[in-house]
Protein backbone atom coordinates (compact mmCIF):
# COMPACT_ATOMS: atom_id res chain seq x y z
CA UNK A 1 -20.27 5.28 17.46
CA UNK A 2 -18.73 8.28 15.70
CA UNK A 3 -15.80 6.09 14.61
CA UNK A 4 -18.18 3.59 13.07
CA UNK A 5 -20.12 6.21 11.17
CA UNK A 6 -16.91 7.79 9.82
CA UNK A 7 -15.66 4.36 9.03
CA UNK A 8 -18.66 3.72 6.86
CA UNK A 9 -19.21 7.31 5.61
CA UNK A 10 -15.75 8.24 4.42
CA UNK A 11 -15.24 5.41 1.91
CA UNK A 12 -18.79 6.01 0.66
CA UNK A 13 -18.22 9.76 0.15
CA UNK A 14 -14.89 9.21 -1.75
CA UNK A 15 -16.60 6.72 -4.05
CA UNK A 16 -19.26 9.20 -4.79
CA UNK A 17 -16.74 11.86 -5.52
CA UNK A 18 -14.59 9.61 -7.77
CA UNK A 19 -17.93 8.38 -9.53
CA UNK A 20 -19.16 11.81 -10.20
CA UNK A 21 -15.61 13.06 -11.49
CA UNK A 22 -15.55 10.58 -14.18
CA UNK A 23 -12.21 9.24 -12.93
CA UNK A 24 -11.81 5.56 -13.59
CA UNK A 25 -9.87 3.44 -11.14
CA UNK A 26 -9.09 -0.29 -10.78
CA UNK A 27 -11.60 -2.15 -8.51
CA UNK A 28 -9.21 -2.41 -5.58
CA UNK A 29 -10.25 -0.96 -2.33
CA UNK A 30 -8.19 -1.66 0.73
CA UNK A 31 -9.50 -1.10 4.28
CA UNK A 32 -7.99 -2.04 7.69
CA UNK A 33 -9.32 -5.09 9.67
CA UNK A 34 -11.80 -3.80 12.21
CA UNK A 35 -10.08 -5.76 15.03
CA UNK A 36 -6.65 -4.00 14.49
CA UNK A 37 -7.66 -0.83 16.36
CA UNK A 38 -6.65 1.13 13.26
CA UNK A 39 -10.06 2.36 12.28
CA UNK A 40 -8.77 5.44 10.65
CA UNK A 41 -6.63 3.45 8.03
CA UNK A 42 -7.72 2.56 4.37
CA UNK A 43 -6.37 1.89 1.02
CA UNK A 44 -8.16 2.95 -2.29
CA UNK A 45 -7.04 3.13 -5.81
CA UNK A 46 -5.13 6.57 -6.69
CA UNK A 47 -2.98 7.17 -3.46
CA UNK A 48 -4.28 9.25 -0.69
CA UNK A 49 -3.65 9.04 3.09
CA UNK A 50 -6.44 10.17 5.18
CA UNK A 51 -5.80 11.30 8.65
CA UNK A 52 -8.25 12.68 11.27
CA UNK A 53 -7.08 16.19 10.54
CA UNK A 54 -8.01 15.75 6.79
CA UNK A 55 -6.84 14.14 3.53
CA UNK A 56 -3.21 13.88 2.57
CA UNK A 57 -2.69 12.45 -0.97
CA UNK A 58 0.06 10.01 -1.56
CA UNK A 59 0.61 8.22 -4.84
CA UNK A 60 3.22 7.11 -7.40
CA UNK A 61 4.77 10.44 -8.14
CA UNK A 62 4.41 12.04 -4.91
CA UNK A 63 7.21 14.40 -4.13
CA UNK A 64 9.91 12.85 -1.74
CA UNK A 65 9.86 15.77 0.76
CA UNK A 66 6.07 15.73 0.91
CA UNK A 67 6.22 12.17 2.46
CA UNK A 68 8.85 13.31 5.11
CA UNK A 69 6.91 16.40 5.77
CA UNK A 70 3.76 14.63 6.61
CA UNK A 71 5.00 11.33 8.17
CA UNK A 72 8.26 12.38 9.62
CA UNK A 73 11.42 10.19 9.48
CA UNK A 74 10.88 6.54 8.65
CA UNK A 75 11.77 3.68 11.02
CA UNK A 76 14.52 2.44 8.71
CA UNK A 77 15.79 3.07 5.28
CA UNK A 78 17.28 0.34 3.15
CA UNK A 79 18.02 -0.84 -0.55
CA UNK A 80 18.91 -4.48 -1.32
CA UNK A 81 20.27 -6.61 1.37
CA UNK A 82 23.31 -4.57 2.30
CA UNK A 83 22.52 -1.03 2.06
CA UNK A 84 21.17 1.08 5.01
CA UNK A 85 21.09 4.83 5.87
CA UNK A 86 20.39 6.74 9.08
CA UNK A 87 16.62 7.42 9.39
CA UNK A 88 17.27 11.20 8.99
CA UNK A 89 18.69 10.78 5.60
CA UNK A 90 16.20 12.36 3.21
CA UNK A 91 18.09 12.09 -0.09
CA UNK A 92 18.41 8.07 -0.16
CA UNK A 93 17.03 6.42 -3.23
CA UNK A 94 15.69 3.42 -1.33
CA UNK A 95 12.71 1.98 0.61
CA UNK A 96 11.57 4.14 3.45
CA UNK A 97 9.68 1.95 6.01
CA UNK A 98 7.04 3.15 8.37
CA UNK A 99 6.38 0.21 10.66
CA UNK A 100 3.91 1.86 12.88
CA UNK A 101 1.43 2.27 9.98
CA UNK A 102 2.57 -0.91 7.96
CA UNK A 103 3.61 0.96 4.87
CA UNK A 104 6.88 1.40 2.95
CA UNK A 105 7.51 3.96 0.33
CA UNK A 106 10.08 3.33 -2.46
CA UNK A 107 11.40 6.68 -3.27
CA UNK A 108 13.96 7.39 -6.11
CA UNK A 109 15.01 10.54 -7.36
CA UNK A 110 12.35 13.35 -6.33
CA UNK A 111 9.39 11.03 -6.03
CA UNK A 112 7.59 7.90 -4.70
CA UNK A 113 7.77 4.93 -7.12
CA UNK A 114 5.83 2.41 -5.14
CA UNK A 115 3.83 1.90 -1.82
CA UNK A 116 4.08 -1.47 -0.09
CA UNK A 117 1.57 -2.84 2.39
CA UNK A 118 3.61 -4.70 5.07
CA UNK A 119 1.13 -6.46 7.27
CA UNK A 120 -2.21 -7.82 7.76
CA UNK A 121 -3.72 -4.47 9.07
CA UNK A 122 -4.72 -3.81 5.52
CA UNK A 123 -7.60 -5.78 3.65
CA UNK A 124 -9.05 -5.14 0.31
CA UNK A 125 -12.90 -4.99 -0.36
CA UNK A 126 -12.13 -8.01 -2.62
CA UNK A 127 -10.40 -9.77 0.40
CA UNK A 128 -6.77 -9.32 -0.71
CA UNK A 129 -4.39 -8.95 2.14
CA UNK A 130 -0.96 -9.95 3.39
CA UNK A 131 -1.08 -13.61 4.89
CA UNK A 132 -3.35 -14.89 2.23
CA UNK A 133 -2.17 -18.11 0.38
CA UNK A 134 -1.23 -17.65 -3.19
CA UNK A 135 -4.22 -19.97 -4.24
CA UNK A 136 -6.52 -17.29 -2.28
CA UNK A 137 -4.76 -14.38 -3.86
CA UNK A 138 -5.05 -15.79 -7.47
CA UNK A 139 -8.69 -16.40 -6.95
CA UNK A 140 -9.19 -12.92 -6.33
CA UNK A 141 -6.52 -11.28 -8.66
CA UNK A 142 -6.91 -13.85 -11.62
CA UNK A 143 -4.23 -15.49 -13.71
CA UNK A 144 -2.85 -12.71 -15.79
CA UNK A 145 0.51 -12.28 -14.05
CA UNK A 146 4.25 -12.28 -14.61
CA UNK A 147 6.07 -14.60 -12.28
CA UNK A 148 9.64 -14.42 -10.96
CA UNK A 149 11.25 -16.91 -8.70
CA UNK A 150 13.83 -15.86 -6.05
CA UNK A 151 15.48 -17.81 -3.08
CA UNK A 152 12.91 -17.98 -0.42
CA UNK A 153 10.16 -16.01 -2.20
CA UNK A 154 8.36 -15.52 -5.43
CA UNK A 155 7.00 -12.38 -7.07
CA UNK A 156 3.63 -12.32 -9.00
CA UNK A 157 3.29 -9.14 -10.84
CA UNK A 158 -0.29 -7.95 -12.08
CA UNK A 159 0.70 -5.18 -14.43
CA UNK A 160 -2.85 -4.47 -15.62
CA UNK A 161 -3.98 -3.60 -12.01
CA UNK A 162 -0.48 -2.31 -10.93
CA UNK A 163 -0.16 -4.79 -8.01
CA UNK A 164 2.72 -6.94 -7.23
CA UNK A 165 2.59 -9.59 -4.51
CA UNK A 166 5.66 -11.14 -2.77
CA UNK A 167 5.02 -14.72 -1.58
CA UNK A 168 6.93 -16.97 0.89
CA UNK A 169 8.30 -20.24 -0.71
CA UNK A 170 7.97 -22.08 2.57
CA UNK A 171 4.40 -21.10 3.53
CA UNK A 172 2.90 -20.09 0.09
CA UNK A 173 1.46 -16.87 1.91
CA UNK A 174 1.62 -13.27 0.89
CA UNK A 175 4.39 -11.38 2.65
CA UNK A 176 3.95 -8.04 1.00
CA UNK A 177 1.57 -6.25 -1.40
CA UNK A 178 3.14 -3.52 -3.64
CA UNK A 179 0.86 -0.88 -4.70
CA UNK A 180 2.14 0.57 -8.01
CA UNK A 181 1.24 3.51 -10.26
CA UNK A 182 -2.54 4.13 -10.55
CA UNK A 183 -3.39 3.14 -6.90
CA UNK A 184 -3.63 5.21 -3.76
CA UNK A 185 -3.27 4.60 -0.12
CA UNK A 186 -5.69 6.32 2.52
CA UNK A 187 -4.54 6.71 6.22
């Protein structure tokens, strides 16, 4: 019962705080699917990660060491198809993947440049989630996007809302959702 109340109350309180502060954010609100068991995970515009111990904020621009100090070592680190590093490497300009929470942080220089949703544990209040077809995604996000075709997958970039989706050529389904500047993740 406490989890359900917190699951409903926390997003409401955060929305109230944002509304009263005058901050404007895109209308993208991500929450976990109720049946995943991850009832403490959410994604909202402007990059924060909520934990049972309090609120930790992650966003594009978060310092590199802040990610490691709060999440520990990633499950793996890579860039491109052929570059990998030991998980204890803290200075790699690369993707730092945390499979247990379904997130990846692209970290370059001293800061986070992008946060990626890796699985269908995350769902937006508008229904956006990994696994949707491109037709379903476009009905949610609209047709104002830049398109890039690569072998095996396509990229749909929505610069006005700072979201990019990666779609499988073989299934036409979303593989990943890239959260860019101006959006936040709550855990």
